[in-house]
Amino acid sequence: MKDKTVPKTPKWEEVDHTRIPNVPHIDQEMINHLERVSLVEFNNQAGIERLSKAIESANKLHMVNTDGIEPMESVLEDRMLYLREDKVTDGRCKQEVLSNAVKTIEDYFVAPPGNIPLKTKERDYGSNSKGS
């Protein structure tokens, strides 16, 4: 039985571009902040333009009417997902598991730090760095 909220055929509507939020002005301060929190460097003007286009694409999602649509719990909602009993089937393998880690301390995996900001460098992405 199909869900009655799902249309039988695709429904296409023209996007009202006047209702799409504008891409914010991307200045050097925003670039520095995004590079610091995402640990990604934009490197050049092309990277900034990709960011601007990504923001523009994400803003189009605001136009999708989701009124009356229930959030999904799983992408496999049309299938029965069986749970198994949570039993230890192969215990006492701590050393084998820990041997997969590059580095361990006191029987814990040591992950590379992901929350330490990149070293900042003075970069000039061009005086015309902007959103569209």
N, C-alpha and C. Protein backbone atom coordinates (compact mmCIF):
# COMPACT_ATOMS: atom_id res chain seq x y z
N MET A 1 0.85 -1.18 0.00
CA MET A 1 0.00 0.00 0.00
C MET A 1 0.89 1.24 0.00
N LYS A 2 0.68 2.09 -0.96
CA LYS A 2 1.47 3.30 -1.08
C LYS A 2 0.90 4.39 -0.18
N ASP A 3 1.80 5.24 0.27
CA ASP A 3 1.40 6.39 1.09
C ASP A 3 0.65 7.38 0.21
N LYS A 4 -0.51 7.85 0.67
CA LYS A 4 -1.30 8.75 -0.17
C LYS A 4 -0.70 10.14 -0.28
N THR A 5 0.30 10.47 0.54
CA THR A 5 0.94 11.78 0.41
C THR A 5 1.98 11.80 -0.70
N VAL A 6 2.35 10.62 -1.21
CA VAL A 6 3.32 10.55 -2.30
C VAL A 6 2.55 10.60 -3.62
N PRO A 7 2.84 11.59 -4.48
CA PRO A 7 2.10 11.67 -5.75
C PRO A 7 2.40 10.47 -6.66
N LYS A 8 1.41 10.11 -7.50
CA LYS A 8 1.59 8.98 -8.41
C LYS A 8 2.57 9.32 -9.53
N THR A 9 2.61 10.58 -9.91
CA THR A 9 3.54 11.03 -10.95
C THR A 9 4.32 12.22 -10.41
N PRO A 10 5.52 12.45 -10.94
CA PRO A 10 6.28 13.61 -10.48
C PRO A 10 5.52 14.91 -10.74
N LYS A 11 5.69 15.84 -9.86
CA LYS A 11 5.02 17.14 -9.99
C LYS A 11 6.09 18.21 -10.07
N TRP A 12 6.11 18.94 -11.16
CA TRP A 12 7.11 19.98 -11.36
C TRP A 12 6.46 21.34 -11.27
N GLU A 13 7.10 22.22 -10.54
CA GLU A 13 6.64 23.60 -10.44
C GLU A 13 7.81 24.52 -10.69
N GLU A 14 7.53 25.63 -11.35
CA GLU A 14 8.57 26.63 -11.55
C GLU A 14 8.94 27.24 -10.21
N VAL A 15 10.21 27.50 -10.02
CA VAL A 15 10.69 28.11 -8.78
C VAL A 15 10.53 29.62 -8.89
N ASP A 16 9.92 30.21 -7.88
CA ASP A 16 9.80 31.67 -7.82
C ASP A 16 11.12 32.19 -7.25
N HIS A 17 12.00 32.64 -8.14
CA HIS A 17 13.34 33.06 -7.72
C HIS A 17 13.32 34.28 -6.81
N THR A 18 12.22 35.01 -6.78
CA THR A 18 12.15 36.18 -5.89
C THR A 18 12.00 35.75 -4.44
N ARG A 19 11.56 34.50 -4.21
CA ARG A 19 11.37 34.02 -2.83
C ARG A 19 12.60 33.30 -2.28
N ILE A 20 13.59 33.04 -3.12
CA ILE A 20 14.81 32.35 -2.67
C ILE A 20 15.67 33.36 -1.92
N PRO A 21 16.12 33.02 -0.71
CA PRO A 21 16.99 33.95 0.03
C PRO A 21 18.27 34.25 -0.75
N ASN A 22 18.73 35.48 -0.64
CA ASN A 22 19.97 35.88 -1.31
C ASN A 22 21.17 35.22 -0.67
N VAL A 23 22.18 34.97 -1.47
CA VAL A 23 23.45 34.47 -0.95
C VAL A 23 24.11 35.62 -0.21
N PRO A 24 24.55 35.39 1.03
CA PRO A 24 25.17 36.49 1.79
C PRO A 24 26.49 36.92 1.16
N HIS A 25 26.87 38.14 1.43
CA HIS A 25 28.17 38.64 0.96
C HIS A 25 29.26 37.82 1.64
N ILE A 26 30.16 37.27 0.86
CA ILE A 26 31.23 36.44 1.41
C ILE A 26 32.48 37.30 1.49
N ASP A 27 32.75 37.80 2.69
CA ASP A 27 33.92 38.66 2.87
C ASP A 27 35.06 37.86 3.51
N GLN A 28 36.19 38.51 3.67
CA GLN A 28 37.37 37.84 4.21
C GLN A 28 37.12 37.30 5.62
N GLU A 29 36.36 38.03 6.42
CA GLU A 29 36.06 37.58 7.79
C GLU A 29 35.27 36.27 7.76
N MET A 30 34.26 36.18 6.86
CA MET A 30 33.47 34.96 6.76
C MET A 30 34.34 33.81 6.26
N ILE A 31 35.20 34.07 5.28
CA ILE A 31 36.10 33.03 4.77
C ILE A 31 36.99 32.51 5.88
N ASN A 32 37.59 33.40 6.65
CA ASN A 32 38.46 32.98 7.75
C ASN A 32 37.69 32.14 8.76
N HIS A 33 36.47 32.57 9.09
CA HIS A 33 35.66 31.82 10.06
C HIS A 33 35.32 30.43 9.52
N LEU A 34 34.85 30.36 8.28
CA LEU A 34 34.48 29.06 7.70
C LEU A 34 35.68 28.13 7.59
N GLU A 35 36.82 28.67 7.20
CA GLU A 35 38.02 27.83 7.11
C GLU A 35 38.42 27.31 8.49
N ARG A 36 38.25 28.15 9.51
CA ARG A 36 38.65 27.73 10.86
C ARG A 36 37.72 26.65 11.39
N VAL A 37 36.40 26.81 11.24
CA VAL A 37 35.48 25.83 11.82
C VAL A 37 35.33 24.58 10.97
N SER A 38 35.57 24.67 9.67
CA SER A 38 35.39 23.50 8.81
C SER A 38 36.70 22.79 8.51
N LEU A 39 37.82 23.44 8.83
CA LEU A 39 39.14 22.90 8.52
C LEU A 39 39.29 22.64 7.03
N VAL A 40 38.65 23.49 6.21
CA VAL A 40 38.75 23.42 4.76
C VAL A 40 39.25 24.76 4.27
N GLU A 41 40.22 24.72 3.37
CA GLU A 41 40.72 25.97 2.79
C GLU A 41 40.03 26.21 1.45
N PHE A 42 39.68 27.45 1.18
CA PHE A 42 39.05 27.78 -0.09
C PHE A 42 40.08 28.02 -1.18
N ASN A 43 41.30 28.31 -0.80
CA ASN A 43 42.46 28.44 -1.69
C ASN A 43 42.42 29.60 -2.67
N ASN A 44 41.29 29.85 -3.33
CA ASN A 44 41.28 30.86 -4.39
C ASN A 44 39.86 31.33 -4.68
N GLN A 45 39.75 32.20 -5.66
CA GLN A 45 38.45 32.76 -6.03
C GLN A 45 37.50 31.67 -6.52
N ALA A 46 38.01 30.65 -7.19
CA ALA A 46 37.16 29.55 -7.67
C ALA A 46 36.51 28.82 -6.49
N GLY A 47 37.26 28.65 -5.40
CA GLY A 47 36.70 28.02 -4.21
C GLY A 47 35.58 28.84 -3.61
N ILE A 48 35.75 30.15 -3.62
CA ILE A 48 34.72 31.05 -3.09
C ILE A 48 33.48 30.99 -3.97
N GLU A 49 33.67 30.93 -5.28
CA GLU A 49 32.52 30.83 -6.19
C GLU A 49 31.78 29.51 -6.00
N ARG A 50 32.52 28.40 -5.76
CA ARG A 50 31.87 27.11 -5.47
C ARG A 50 31.04 27.21 -4.20
N LEU A 51 31.60 27.87 -3.17
CA LEU A 51 30.86 28.06 -1.92
C LEU A 51 29.59 28.85 -2.17
N SER A 52 29.69 29.91 -2.94
CA SER A 52 28.53 30.74 -3.24
C SER A 52 27.45 29.94 -3.97
N LYS A 53 27.85 29.12 -4.94
CA LYS A 53 26.88 28.30 -5.67
C LYS A 53 26.26 27.23 -4.76
N ALA A 54 27.04 26.69 -3.84
CA ALA A 54 26.51 25.71 -2.90
C ALA A 54 25.46 26.34 -1.99
N ILE A 55 25.73 27.56 -1.53
CA ILE A 55 24.77 28.28 -0.69
C ILE A 55 23.50 28.54 -1.49
N GLU A 56 23.66 28.95 -2.74
CA GLU A 56 22.51 29.23 -3.60
C GLU A 56 21.66 27.96 -3.79
N SER A 57 22.31 26.82 -4.02
CA SER A 57 21.58 25.56 -4.18
C SER A 57 20.85 25.18 -2.89
N ALA A 58 21.52 25.36 -1.76
CA ALA A 58 20.88 25.04 -0.48
C ALA A 58 19.69 25.95 -0.22
N ASN A 59 19.81 27.21 -0.62
CA ASN A 59 18.70 28.15 -0.42
C ASN A 59 17.47 27.74 -1.22
N LYS A 60 17.66 27.07 -2.36
CA LYS A 60 16.51 26.62 -3.16
C LYS A 60 15.69 25.58 -2.40
N LEU A 61 16.33 24.86 -1.48
CA LEU A 61 15.59 23.86 -0.70
C LEU A 61 14.53 24.51 0.18
N HIS A 62 14.70 25.80 0.47
CA HIS A 62 13.67 26.51 1.24
C HIS A 62 12.35 26.56 0.49
N MET A 63 12.39 26.38 -0.82
CA MET A 63 11.19 26.48 -1.64
C MET A 63 10.37 25.18 -1.63
N VAL A 64 10.92 24.09 -1.17
CA VAL A 64 10.21 22.82 -1.18
C VAL A 64 9.13 22.83 -0.10
N ASN A 65 7.91 22.57 -0.52
CA ASN A 65 6.78 22.55 0.41
C ASN A 65 6.75 21.20 1.12
N THR A 66 7.03 21.22 2.40
CA THR A 66 7.02 19.98 3.19
C THR A 66 5.86 19.95 4.17
N ASP A 67 4.87 20.81 3.97
CA ASP A 67 3.70 20.81 4.86
C ASP A 67 3.02 19.45 4.81
N GLY A 68 2.73 18.89 5.96
CA GLY A 68 2.03 17.62 6.05
C GLY A 68 2.90 16.41 5.77
N ILE A 69 4.19 16.59 5.59
CA ILE A 69 5.09 15.47 5.33
C ILE A 69 5.78 15.08 6.63
N GLU A 70 5.62 13.82 7.00
CA GLU A 70 6.25 13.32 8.22
C GLU A 70 7.74 13.11 7.98
N PRO A 71 8.59 13.44 8.95
CA PRO A 71 10.02 13.16 8.79
C PRO A 71 10.26 11.66 8.72
N MET A 72 11.25 11.26 7.93
CA MET A 72 11.57 9.84 7.80
C MET A 72 12.41 9.39 8.99
N GLU A 73 12.17 8.18 9.42
CA GLU A 73 13.01 7.58 10.46
C GLU A 73 14.12 6.76 9.83
N SER A 74 13.88 6.29 8.62
CA SER A 74 14.86 5.47 7.91
C SER A 74 14.56 5.59 6.41
N VAL A 75 15.59 5.46 5.59
CA VAL A 75 15.36 5.44 4.15
C VAL A 75 14.77 4.11 3.71
N LEU A 76 14.73 3.15 4.61
CA LEU A 76 14.17 1.83 4.32
C LEU A 76 12.82 1.66 5.01
N GLU A 77 12.01 2.70 5.03
CA GLU A 77 10.73 2.64 5.75
C GLU A 77 9.75 1.65 5.13
N ASP A 78 9.98 1.26 3.88
CA ASP A 78 9.07 0.33 3.22
C ASP A 78 9.40 -1.13 3.51
N ARG A 79 10.40 -1.38 4.34
CA ARG A 79 10.83 -2.75 4.65
C ARG A 79 10.78 -2.99 6.15
N MET A 80 10.57 -4.24 6.50
CA MET A 80 10.60 -4.62 7.90
C MET A 80 12.06 -4.80 8.30
N LEU A 81 12.49 -4.04 9.28
CA LEU A 81 13.87 -4.14 9.75
C LEU A 81 13.86 -4.92 11.07
N TYR A 82 14.45 -6.08 11.04
CA TYR A 82 14.44 -6.96 12.20
C TYR A 82 15.61 -6.63 13.11
N LEU A 83 15.36 -6.65 14.39
CA LEU A 83 16.41 -6.44 15.38
C LEU A 83 16.88 -7.79 15.88
N ARG A 84 18.15 -7.89 16.12
CA ARG A 84 18.67 -9.13 16.68
C ARG A 84 18.97 -8.89 18.15
N GLU A 85 19.03 -9.95 18.88
CA GLU A 85 19.36 -9.85 20.29
C GLU A 85 20.81 -9.41 20.43
N ASP A 86 21.08 -8.53 21.35
CA ASP A 86 22.42 -7.98 21.54
C ASP A 86 23.23 -8.91 22.43
N LYS A 87 23.93 -9.85 21.81
CA LYS A 87 24.74 -10.80 22.56
C LYS A 87 26.19 -10.69 22.10
N VAL A 88 27.09 -10.85 23.04
CA VAL A 88 28.51 -10.90 22.70
C VAL A 88 28.77 -12.27 22.08
N THR A 89 29.26 -12.28 20.85
CA THR A 89 29.50 -13.55 20.18
C THR A 89 30.98 -13.87 20.06
N ASP A 90 31.82 -12.84 20.14
CA ASP A 90 33.26 -13.08 19.98
C ASP A 90 33.99 -12.10 20.89
N GLY A 91 33.96 -12.36 22.16
CA GLY A 91 34.59 -11.47 23.12
C GLY A 91 36.07 -11.74 23.28
N ARG A 92 36.66 -11.06 24.24
CA ARG A 92 38.06 -11.22 24.59
C ARG A 92 39.00 -10.99 23.40
N CYS A 93 38.69 -9.95 22.62
CA CYS A 93 39.54 -9.66 21.46
C CYS A 93 40.03 -8.21 21.51
N LYS A 94 40.21 -7.70 22.73
CA LYS A 94 40.60 -6.30 22.91
C LYS A 94 41.88 -5.98 22.16
N GLN A 95 42.90 -6.81 22.30
CA GLN A 95 44.18 -6.53 21.66
C GLN A 95 44.05 -6.54 20.14
N GLU A 96 43.26 -7.45 19.62
CA GLU A 96 43.05 -7.50 18.17
C GLU A 96 42.35 -6.23 17.67
N VAL A 97 41.36 -5.78 18.40
CA VAL A 97 40.65 -4.56 18.02
C VAL A 97 41.57 -3.35 18.13
N LEU A 98 42.30 -3.24 19.23
CA LEU A 98 43.19 -2.10 19.42
C LEU A 98 44.35 -2.09 18.43
N SER A 99 44.68 -3.25 17.87
CA SER A 99 45.77 -3.29 16.89
C SER A 99 45.40 -2.58 15.59
N ASN A 100 44.12 -2.28 15.39
CA ASN A 100 43.69 -1.55 14.20
C ASN A 100 43.99 -0.06 14.30
N ALA A 101 44.27 0.43 15.49
CA ALA A 101 44.51 1.86 15.69
C ALA A 101 45.96 2.20 15.41
N VAL A 102 46.17 3.38 14.85
CA VAL A 102 47.53 3.86 14.64
C VAL A 102 48.16 4.17 15.98
N LYS A 103 47.35 4.74 16.89
CA LYS A 103 47.87 5.11 18.20
C LYS A 103 46.80 4.84 19.26
N THR A 104 47.22 4.32 20.41
CA THR A 104 46.30 4.11 21.54
C THR A 104 46.96 4.63 22.81
N ILE A 105 46.13 5.02 23.74
CA ILE A 105 46.58 5.41 25.07
C ILE A 105 45.62 4.78 26.06
N GLU A 106 46.15 4.00 26.99
CA GLU A 106 45.36 3.34 28.03
C GLU A 106 44.14 2.63 27.45
N ASP A 107 44.34 1.84 26.42
CA ASP A 107 43.29 1.05 25.78
C ASP A 107 42.18 1.89 25.13
N TYR A 108 42.51 3.10 24.72
CA TYR A 108 41.58 3.95 23.98
C TYR A 108 42.21 4.29 22.64
N PHE A 109 41.37 4.38 21.60
CA PHE A 109 41.84 4.86 20.31
C PHE A 109 42.17 6.34 20.43
N VAL A 110 43.24 6.77 19.80
CA VAL A 110 43.59 8.19 19.75
C VAL A 110 43.27 8.66 18.33
N ALA A 111 42.30 9.55 18.24
CA ALA A 111 41.89 10.08 16.94
C ALA A 111 42.63 11.38 16.67
N PRO A 112 42.86 11.69 15.41
CA PRO A 112 43.51 12.96 15.11
C PRO A 112 42.61 14.11 15.56
N PRO A 113 43.20 15.17 16.06
CA PRO A 113 42.38 16.29 16.52
C PRO A 113 41.64 16.93 15.35
N GLY A 114 40.34 17.08 15.50
CA GLY A 114 39.55 17.69 14.45
C GLY A 114 39.03 19.05 14.84
N ASN A 115 39.28 19.44 16.06
CA ASN A 115 38.73 20.72 16.53
C ASN A 115 39.81 21.77 16.73
N ILE A 116 41.01 21.52 16.24
CA ILE A 116 42.08 22.50 16.38
C ILE A 116 42.13 23.31 15.10
N PRO A 117 42.00 24.62 15.19
CA PRO A 117 41.98 25.44 13.97
C PRO A 117 43.27 25.31 13.17
N LEU A 118 43.11 25.46 11.86
CA LEU A 118 44.28 25.47 10.98
C LEU A 118 45.14 26.68 11.30
N LYS A 119 46.42 26.55 11.02
CA LYS A 119 47.29 27.71 11.16
C LYS A 119 46.84 28.75 10.15
N THR A 120 46.69 29.97 10.60
CA THR A 120 46.21 31.00 9.70
C THR A 120 47.35 31.57 8.88
N LYS A 121 47.04 31.83 7.61
CA LYS A 121 47.99 32.43 6.70
C LYS A 121 47.32 33.66 6.11
N GLU A 122 48.13 34.63 5.79
CA GLU A 122 47.58 35.80 5.10
C GLU A 122 47.36 35.42 3.64
N ARG A 123 46.13 35.51 3.19
CA ARG A 123 45.81 35.20 1.80
C ARG A 123 44.91 36.29 1.26
N ASP A 124 45.02 36.54 -0.02
CA ASP A 124 44.17 37.51 -0.67
C ASP A 124 43.41 36.78 -1.76
N TYR A 125 42.10 36.68 -1.60
CA TYR A 125 41.27 35.99 -2.58
C TYR A 125 40.76 36.93 -3.66
N GLY A 126 41.24 38.12 -3.65
CA GLY A 126 40.77 39.09 -4.63
C GLY A 126 39.84 40.07 -3.97
N SER A 127 39.89 41.28 -4.40
CA SER A 127 39.08 42.31 -3.75
C SER A 127 37.62 42.19 -4.11
N ASN A 128 37.28 41.37 -5.12
CA ASN A 128 35.88 41.27 -5.50
C ASN A 128 35.24 39.98 -5.01
N SER A 129 35.68 39.44 -3.86
CA SER A 129 35.04 38.24 -3.32
C SER A 129 33.66 38.62 -2.83
N LYS A 130 32.65 37.98 -3.45
CA LYS A 130 31.27 38.33 -3.13
C LYS A 130 30.38 37.14 -3.38
N GLY A 131 29.17 37.24 -2.86
CA GLY A 131 28.15 36.25 -3.17
C GLY A 131 27.41 36.69 -4.41
N SER A 132 26.54 35.82 -4.97
CA SER A 132 25.81 36.24 -6.16
C SER A 132 24.45 36.74 -5.80
